[in-house]
């Protein structure tokens, strides 16, 4: 999607909601089946991120995840979506 920040192959982030809607709309090139909207975000300064992600604090556990995992649909109504 134009203007999006590429995170990985087929995975990006954008803060332009209207552009995202146009991109996955009927006339857009994107697929609404492989697109998720998340509202809100959290950001830190470099020093805050280093502290938050430190193994000593144990607040966050950074890991690698594939686009397929992040964009997949739940297998059943009992499974929570990401």
C-alpha atoms as a PDB file:
ATOM      1  CA  UNK A   1       0.000   0.000   0.000  1.00  0.00           C
ATOM      2  CA  UNK A   2       1.488   3.357  -0.926  1.00  0.00           C
ATOM      3  CA  UNK A   3       2.776   5.250   2.095  1.00  0.00           C
ATOM      4  CA  UNK A   4       2.812   2.184   4.352  1.00  0.00           C
ATOM      5  CA  UNK A   5       5.906   1.246   6.331  1.00  0.00           C
ATOM      6  CA  UNK A   6       7.024  -2.209   5.185  1.00  0.00           C
ATOM      7  CA  UNK A   7       7.554  -4.576   8.113  1.00  0.00           C
ATOM      8  CA  UNK A   8       8.098  -7.740   6.083  1.00  0.00           C
ATOM      9  CA  UNK A   9       7.066  -9.281   2.771  1.00  0.00           C
ATOM     10  CA  UNK A  10       3.323  -8.663   2.502  1.00  0.00           C
ATOM     11  CA  UNK A  11       3.139  -6.974   5.896  1.00  0.00           C
ATOM     12  CA  UNK A  12       3.108  -3.252   6.564  1.00  0.00           C
ATOM     13  CA  UNK A  13       1.700  -0.564   8.797  1.00  0.00           C
ATOM     14  CA  UNK A  14      -0.038   2.678   7.897  1.00  0.00           C
ATOM     15  CA  UNK A  15      -1.710   5.395   9.899  1.00  0.00           C
ATOM     16  CA  UNK A  16      -3.913   6.560   6.996  1.00  0.00           C
ATOM     17  CA  UNK A  17      -7.301   4.932   7.608  1.00  0.00           C
ATOM     18  CA  UNK A  18      -9.023   6.414   4.553  1.00  0.00           C
ATOM     19  CA  UNK A  19      -6.211   5.352   2.226  1.00  0.00           C
ATOM     20  CA  UNK A  20      -6.365   1.839   3.683  1.00  0.00           C
ATOM     21  CA  UNK A  21     -10.128   1.708   3.078  1.00  0.00           C
ATOM     22  CA  UNK A  22      -9.617   2.798  -0.520  1.00  0.00           C
ATOM     23  CA  UNK A  23      -6.829   0.248  -1.004  1.00  0.00           C
ATOM     24  CA  UNK A  24      -9.000  -2.728   0.041  1.00  0.00           C
ATOM     25  CA  UNK A  25     -12.233  -1.325  -1.421  1.00  0.00           C
ATOM     26  CA  UNK A  26     -13.970  -2.639  -4.557  1.00  0.00           C
ATOM     27  CA  UNK A  27     -11.815  -0.498  -6.867  1.00  0.00           C
ATOM     28  CA  UNK A  28      -8.564  -0.901  -4.914  1.00  0.00           C
ATOM     29  CA  UNK A  29      -5.677  -3.282  -5.624  1.00  0.00           C
ATOM     30  CA  UNK A  30      -5.566  -4.776  -2.117  1.00  0.00           C
ATOM     31  CA  UNK A  31      -7.371  -7.847  -0.827  1.00  0.00           C
ATOM     32  CA  UNK A  32      -9.772  -7.336   2.062  1.00  0.00           C
ATOM     33  CA  UNK A  33      -9.280 -11.035   2.866  1.00  0.00           C
ATOM     34  CA  UNK A  34      -5.628 -10.410   3.793  1.00  0.00           C
ATOM     35  CA  UNK A  35      -6.052  -7.078   5.535  1.00  0.00           C
ATOM     36  CA  UNK A  36      -6.753  -6.192   9.158  1.00  0.00           C
ATOM     37  CA  UNK A  37      -7.507  -2.880  10.782  1.00  0.00           C
ATOM     38  CA  UNK A  38      -6.155  -2.273  14.271  1.00  0.00           C
ATOM     39  CA  UNK A  39      -7.154   0.859  16.113  1.00  0.00           C
ATOM     40  CA  UNK A  40      -4.639   2.645  18.290  1.00  0.00           C
ATOM     41  CA  UNK A  41      -0.983   2.067  18.877  1.00  0.00           C
ATOM     42  CA  UNK A  42       1.681   2.455  21.489  1.00  0.00           C
ATOM     43  CA  UNK A  43       5.026   4.078  20.921  1.00  0.00           C
ATOM     44  CA  UNK A  44       8.086   4.646  23.039  1.00  0.00           C
ATOM     45  CA  UNK A  45      11.282   6.634  22.877  1.00  0.00           C
ATOM     46  CA  UNK A  46      14.407   4.556  22.214  1.00  0.00           C
ATOM     47  CA  UNK A  47      15.311   4.422  25.924  1.00  0.00           C
ATOM     48  CA  UNK A  48      11.753   3.490  26.927  1.00  0.00           C
ATOM     49  CA  UNK A  49      11.631   0.710  24.316  1.00  0.00           C
ATOM     50  CA  UNK A  50      14.974  -0.657  25.498  1.00  0.00           C
ATOM     51  CA  UNK A  51      13.700  -0.747  29.087  1.00  0.00           C
ATOM     52  CA  UNK A  52      10.292  -2.215  28.137  1.00  0.00           C
ATOM     53  CA  UNK A  53      11.833  -4.952  25.971  1.00  0.00           C
ATOM     54  CA  UNK A  54      14.623  -5.815  28.408  1.00  0.00           C
ATOM     55  CA  UNK A  55      14.707  -9.454  29.499  1.00  0.00           C
ATOM     56  CA  UNK A  56      15.214  -8.209  33.083  1.00  0.00           C
ATOM     57  CA  UNK A  57      11.818  -6.510  33.254  1.00  0.00           C
ATOM     58  CA  UNK A  58       9.917  -9.384  31.628  1.00  0.00           C
ATOM     59  CA  UNK A  59       7.158  -6.997  30.555  1.00  0.00           C
ATOM     60  CA  UNK A  60       7.258  -7.942  26.869  1.00  0.00           C
ATOM     61  CA  UNK A  61       8.588 -11.001  25.113  1.00  0.00           C
ATOM     62  CA  UNK A  62       9.729 -10.027  21.602  1.00  0.00           C
ATOM     63  CA  UNK A  63       9.433 -12.766  19.004  1.00  0.00           C
ATOM     64  CA  UNK A  64       9.350 -13.267  15.283  1.00  0.00           C
ATOM     65  CA  UNK A  65       5.968 -13.992  13.748  1.00  0.00           C
ATOM     66  CA  UNK A  66       4.973 -14.612  10.160  1.00  0.00           C
ATOM     67  CA  UNK A  67       2.451 -12.500   8.264  1.00  0.00           C
ATOM     68  CA  UNK A  68       0.340 -15.666   7.938  1.00  0.00           C
ATOM     69  CA  UNK A  69       0.088 -15.960  11.708  1.00  0.00           C
ATOM     70  CA  UNK A  70      -0.761 -12.294  12.189  1.00  0.00           C
ATOM     71  CA  UNK A  71      -3.350 -12.177   9.394  1.00  0.00           C
ATOM     72  CA  UNK A  72      -4.990 -15.564   9.780  1.00  0.00           C
ATOM     73  CA  UNK A  73      -8.639 -15.953  10.651  1.00  0.00           C
ATOM     74  CA  UNK A  74      -9.721 -17.904  13.761  1.00  0.00           C
ATOM     75  CA  UNK A  75     -10.473 -21.593  13.110  1.00  0.00           C
ATOM     76  CA  UNK A  76     -13.695 -21.507  15.121  1.00  0.00           C
ATOM     77  CA  UNK A  77     -15.975 -19.159  17.009  1.00  0.00           C
ATOM     78  CA  UNK A  78     -14.258 -20.274  20.238  1.00  0.00           C
ATOM     79  CA  UNK A  79     -10.818 -19.077  19.146  1.00  0.00           C
ATOM     80  CA  UNK A  80      -9.953 -15.441  19.799  1.00  0.00           C
ATOM     81  CA  UNK A  81      -8.654 -13.435  16.815  1.00  0.00           C
ATOM     82  CA  UNK A  82      -5.298 -11.675  17.121  1.00  0.00           C
END
